[in-house]
Protein backbone atom coordinates (compact mmCIF):
# COMPACT_ATOMS: atom_id res chain seq x y z
CA MET A 1 -89.44 137.42 -86.29
CA ILE A 2 -87.24 137.92 -89.29
CA LYS A 3 -84.46 140.90 -89.20
CA PHE A 4 -86.52 142.80 -91.88
CA GLU A 5 -89.55 142.93 -89.58
CA GLN A 6 -87.23 143.83 -86.41
CA HIS A 7 -85.91 146.64 -88.13
CA LEU A 8 -89.58 147.79 -89.54
CA ILE A 9 -90.53 147.85 -85.82
CA LYS A 10 -87.88 149.61 -84.60
CA GLU A 11 -88.26 152.47 -87.07
CA GLY A 12 -91.78 152.40 -86.13
CA LEU A 13 -92.94 152.06 -89.81
CA LEU A 14 -94.53 148.20 -88.99
CA LYS A 15 -97.73 148.41 -86.47
CA GLU A 16 -98.77 145.17 -84.88
CA VAL A 17 -102.15 144.31 -83.33
CA ARG A 18 -102.77 141.23 -81.24
CA LEU A 19 -105.93 139.29 -82.28
CA GLY A 20 -106.37 136.11 -80.44
CA ASP A 21 -103.30 134.06 -80.05
CA GLY A 22 -101.92 135.49 -83.21
CA LYS A 23 -100.93 138.93 -84.23
CA ILE A 24 -101.78 141.10 -87.41
CA SER A 25 -98.89 143.25 -89.11
CA MET A 26 -99.72 146.22 -90.68
CA ILE A 27 -97.65 148.75 -93.04
CA GLU A 28 -98.05 150.81 -96.12
CA ALA A 29 -96.44 149.54 -99.23
CA LYS A 30 -94.27 152.74 -100.24
CA PRO A 31 -92.53 152.91 -96.88
CA LEU A 32 -91.87 149.37 -97.02
CA PHE A 33 -90.32 149.39 -100.81
CA GLY A 34 -88.16 152.53 -99.40
CA GLU A 35 -86.91 151.05 -96.50
CA GLY A 36 -86.15 147.84 -98.31
CA CYS A 37 -84.21 149.37 -101.07
CA LYS A 38 -82.40 151.44 -98.38
CA LEU A 39 -81.20 148.54 -96.44
CA LEU A 40 -80.41 146.36 -99.52
CA ASP A 41 -78.20 149.51 -100.85
CA LYS A 42 -76.28 149.36 -97.40
CA ASP A 43 -76.02 145.33 -97.64
CA VAL A 44 -77.37 143.45 -100.80
CA TYR A 45 -77.27 140.35 -98.50
CA PHE A 46 -79.61 142.00 -95.89
CA LEU A 47 -82.60 139.70 -96.80
CA VAL A 48 -80.39 136.49 -97.16
CA LYS A 49 -80.25 134.39 -94.15
CA SER A 50 -76.51 133.63 -94.68
CA GLU A 51 -74.19 134.70 -97.67
CA PRO A 52 -73.53 131.76 -99.84
CA LEU A 53 -70.33 130.60 -100.81
CA VAL A 54 -70.83 131.38 -104.43
CA PHE A 55 -71.61 135.01 -103.85
CA LYS A 56 -68.50 135.39 -101.48
CA LEU A 57 -65.99 134.02 -104.19
CA PHE A 58 -67.70 136.22 -106.87
CA ASN A 59 -67.55 139.38 -104.81
CA ARG A 60 -63.93 138.64 -103.86
CA ILE A 61 -62.65 137.56 -107.12
CA ILE A 62 -64.49 138.71 -110.02
CA TYR A 63 -66.58 142.07 -108.80
CA PRO A 64 -63.05 143.84 -108.65
CA PHE A 65 -62.42 143.17 -112.34
CA LEU A 66 -65.96 144.26 -113.34
CA VAL A 67 -65.49 147.51 -111.35
CA TYR A 68 -61.91 148.36 -112.18
CA LEU A 69 -61.35 146.66 -115.59
CA PRO A 70 -65.04 146.77 -117.12
CA TRP A 71 -64.38 146.96 -120.90
CA PRO A 72 -63.75 143.33 -121.79
CA PHE A 73 -67.25 142.53 -120.20
CA ARG A 74 -69.16 145.39 -122.04
CA ILE A 75 -67.42 143.78 -125.44
CA ILE A 76 -69.02 140.18 -124.58
CA ASN A 77 -71.88 141.46 -123.76
CA ASN A 78 -72.27 143.39 -127.09
CA ILE A 79 -71.39 140.41 -128.76
CA ALA A 80 -73.71 138.22 -127.27
CA LEU A 81 -76.57 141.00 -127.75
CA ARG A 82 -76.15 140.72 -131.67
CA PHE A 83 -77.20 136.96 -131.22
CA THR A 84 -80.16 137.50 -129.29
CA ASP A 85 -83.62 138.69 -130.41
CA ASN A 86 -83.41 142.08 -128.77
């Protein structure tokens, strides 16, 4: 059982019914989406089995520059947008 399923069962959002040797899981779409967004707001890697090295490096090296010094990236983005079809 994946971490997301375990969380949904613990919160009482996911219902399971045994059918023969298997089971059927039921949940409404709106609570599923809402809970998924809430979990991803807390931890963007919640649905990932393990945080890849590339993301670790990005988050620890490049992300602070994007947060505290975003203007060079906005300038580069604006220049790049001029050359696209948008």
